[in-house]
Protein backbone atom coordinates (compact mmCIF):
# COMPACT_ATOMS: atom_id res chain seq x y z
CA MET A 1 -86.24 -44.95 -107.48
CA SER A 2 -89.23 -44.92 -109.79
CA LYS A 3 -92.53 -43.13 -108.96
CA GLN A 4 -95.94 -43.53 -110.57
CA ILE A 5 -98.50 -40.82 -110.58
CA ILE A 6 -102.02 -41.86 -109.62
CA ASN A 7 -105.11 -39.86 -110.63
CA THR A 8 -108.72 -40.99 -110.83
CA SER A 9 -111.96 -39.28 -111.97
CA ASN A 10 -113.64 -40.96 -109.00
CA ALA A 11 -111.96 -38.48 -106.57
CA PRO A 12 -111.71 -34.62 -106.84
CA ALA A 13 -109.23 -33.39 -109.38
CA PRO A 14 -106.24 -31.53 -108.06
CA VAL A 15 -106.69 -27.72 -107.87
CA GLY A 16 -102.99 -26.79 -107.90
CA PRO A 17 -99.57 -28.23 -108.86
CA TYR A 18 -100.04 -31.62 -107.19
CA ASN A 19 -101.31 -35.18 -107.93
CA GLN A 20 -103.92 -37.08 -106.12
CA ALA A 21 -101.30 -39.62 -105.21
CA ILE A 22 -97.92 -41.01 -106.03
CA ILE A 23 -96.45 -44.60 -105.60
CA ALA A 24 -92.79 -44.75 -104.84
CA ASN A 25 -91.01 -48.08 -103.78
CA GLY A 26 -94.34 -49.63 -102.63
CA PHE A 27 -95.37 -46.65 -100.73
CA LEU A 28 -98.59 -44.79 -101.82
CA PHE A 29 -98.74 -41.11 -100.75
CA ILE A 30 -102.18 -39.69 -101.05
CA SER A 31 -102.66 -35.99 -100.96
CA GLY A 32 -105.11 -34.53 -98.51
CA GLN A 33 -108.60 -35.04 -99.35
CA ILE A 34 -111.66 -32.96 -98.49
CA ALA A 35 -115.44 -33.37 -99.07
CA ILE A 36 -115.71 -32.46 -102.70
CA ASN A 37 -118.09 -34.72 -104.67
CA PRO A 38 -116.12 -35.81 -107.68
CA GLU A 39 -119.33 -36.07 -109.73
CA THR A 40 -120.43 -32.46 -109.21
CA ASN A 41 -117.14 -30.79 -108.14
CA GLN A 42 -119.17 -29.27 -105.33
CA LEU A 43 -118.38 -29.30 -101.52
CA GLU A 44 -120.74 -31.41 -99.39
CA ILE A 45 -120.43 -30.16 -95.82
CA GLU A 46 -124.09 -29.98 -94.73
CA SER A 47 -123.13 -32.30 -91.84
CA LEU A 48 -119.87 -33.38 -90.29
CA GLU A 49 -120.88 -37.07 -90.67
CA LYS A 50 -121.55 -36.66 -94.45
CA GLU A 51 -118.41 -34.54 -94.90
CA THR A 52 -116.21 -37.05 -93.21
CA HIS A 53 -117.69 -40.02 -95.04
CA LEU A 54 -117.13 -38.26 -98.39
CA VAL A 55 -113.47 -37.58 -97.47
CA PHE A 56 -113.17 -41.39 -96.86
CA SER A 57 -114.87 -42.06 -100.07
CA ASN A 58 -112.40 -40.00 -101.97
CA LEU A 59 -109.56 -41.73 -100.20
CA LYS A 60 -111.01 -45.10 -101.04
CA SER A 61 -111.34 -44.24 -104.77
CA ILE A 62 -107.54 -43.26 -104.94
CA LEU A 63 -106.61 -46.40 -102.95
CA TYR A 64 -108.51 -48.53 -105.31
CA GLU A 65 -107.21 -46.85 -108.41
CA ALA A 66 -103.66 -47.57 -107.17
CA GLY A 67 -104.49 -51.24 -106.20
CA TYR A 68 -104.44 -50.59 -102.41
CA ALA A 69 -107.03 -50.79 -99.71
CA PHE A 70 -107.62 -49.22 -96.24
CA SER A 71 -105.89 -52.33 -94.77
CA ASP A 72 -102.71 -51.21 -96.48
CA VAL A 73 -102.62 -47.76 -94.84
CA VAL A 74 -99.71 -47.31 -92.56
CA LYS A 75 -100.10 -43.68 -91.55
CA ALA A 76 -102.96 -41.16 -91.57
CA THR A 77 -102.98 -37.39 -90.97
CA VAL A 78 -106.24 -35.90 -89.87
CA PHE A 79 -106.67 -32.14 -89.97
CA LEU A 80 -109.62 -30.63 -88.27
CA SER A 81 -111.05 -27.01 -88.19
CA ASP A 82 -111.60 -27.39 -84.40
CA MET A 83 -110.69 -30.06 -81.84
CA SER A 84 -114.28 -30.15 -80.65
CA LEU A 85 -114.91 -32.18 -83.82
CA PHE A 86 -112.51 -34.97 -82.81
CA GLY A 87 -115.00 -37.39 -81.16
CA GLN A 88 -117.43 -37.41 -84.04
CA VAL A 89 -114.69 -37.67 -86.74
CA ASN A 90 -112.91 -40.39 -84.72
CA GLU A 91 -116.10 -42.56 -84.59
CA ILE A 92 -116.35 -42.48 -88.35
CA TYR A 93 -112.59 -42.88 -88.81
CA ALA A 94 -112.78 -46.08 -86.66
CA GLN A 95 -115.30 -47.56 -89.20
CA TYR A 96 -112.74 -47.45 -91.91
CA PHE A 97 -109.79 -48.66 -89.79
CA SER A 98 -111.52 -51.20 -87.56
CA GLU A 99 -108.63 -53.73 -87.46
CA ASN A 100 -104.96 -52.91 -87.11
CA PRO A 101 -105.28 -49.11 -87.55
CA PRO A 102 -102.50 -47.13 -88.89
CA ALA A 103 -100.33 -44.65 -87.07
CA ARG A 104 -102.01 -41.34 -86.91
CA GLU A 105 -101.91 -37.82 -85.88
CA CYS A 106 -104.84 -35.43 -85.50
CA VAL A 107 -104.38 -31.75 -85.33
CA ALA A 108 -106.67 -28.63 -85.40
CA VAL A 109 -105.55 -25.94 -87.74
CA LYS A 110 -106.69 -22.39 -88.17
CA THR A 111 -108.12 -22.74 -91.62
CA LEU A 112 -108.52 -25.61 -94.16
CA PRO A 113 -109.04 -25.35 -97.89
CA LYS A 114 -112.51 -23.93 -98.80
CA ASN A 115 -113.20 -23.64 -95.08
CA VAL A 116 -113.98 -27.41 -94.63
CA ASN A 117 -113.96 -29.14 -91.30
CA VAL A 118 -111.97 -32.21 -92.16
CA GLU A 119 -108.90 -32.96 -94.42
CA ILE A 120 -107.24 -36.38 -94.34
CA SER A 121 -104.02 -37.64 -96.08
CA VAL A 122 -102.74 -41.20 -95.93
CA ILE A 123 -99.69 -43.18 -96.71
CA ALA A 124 -100.20 -46.90 -97.66
CA TYR A 125 -97.63 -49.63 -98.29
CA LYS A 126 -97.55 -52.84 -100.30
CA ALA A 127 -94.37 -54.97 -100.54
C-alpha cells in the first residue's frame, strides 16, 4: 500500500504531528477541520453559520488539492460542542451534500480544539 500526504496552504496548517490529509488506495482521509482562516491563521467563530461555512471551505480546499470533490465523500464525522447546534449545522451541511450524501455520525463532545463549536472530518473515495 502506498500513501500520499496532502497539504495545502489554502487550509489551516496542522498544529501537531499530523497532516491535513492522506490518500491511501483511492481513499482520502481528511483530518478534522475547524474554523481557522488559512490566510490569517485566526479563528472565525463570530457566528455558528460563518464558523460552519469556514469549516466546509477548509475541507473543500483539501479535497480540491487532492483532486477530489464533495461528491466523492463517503463518510463524514461531525463534532459539536453542544447538540443544540445540530439543526443549524445540519442545514448548512445539507448545502454541501445536497445529492447522495455520505454516511455520517454527529456527536456532541465536552470540548473541541480552541473551544470551537464545530469540527468535521471526512473520508472520500475515487477508484
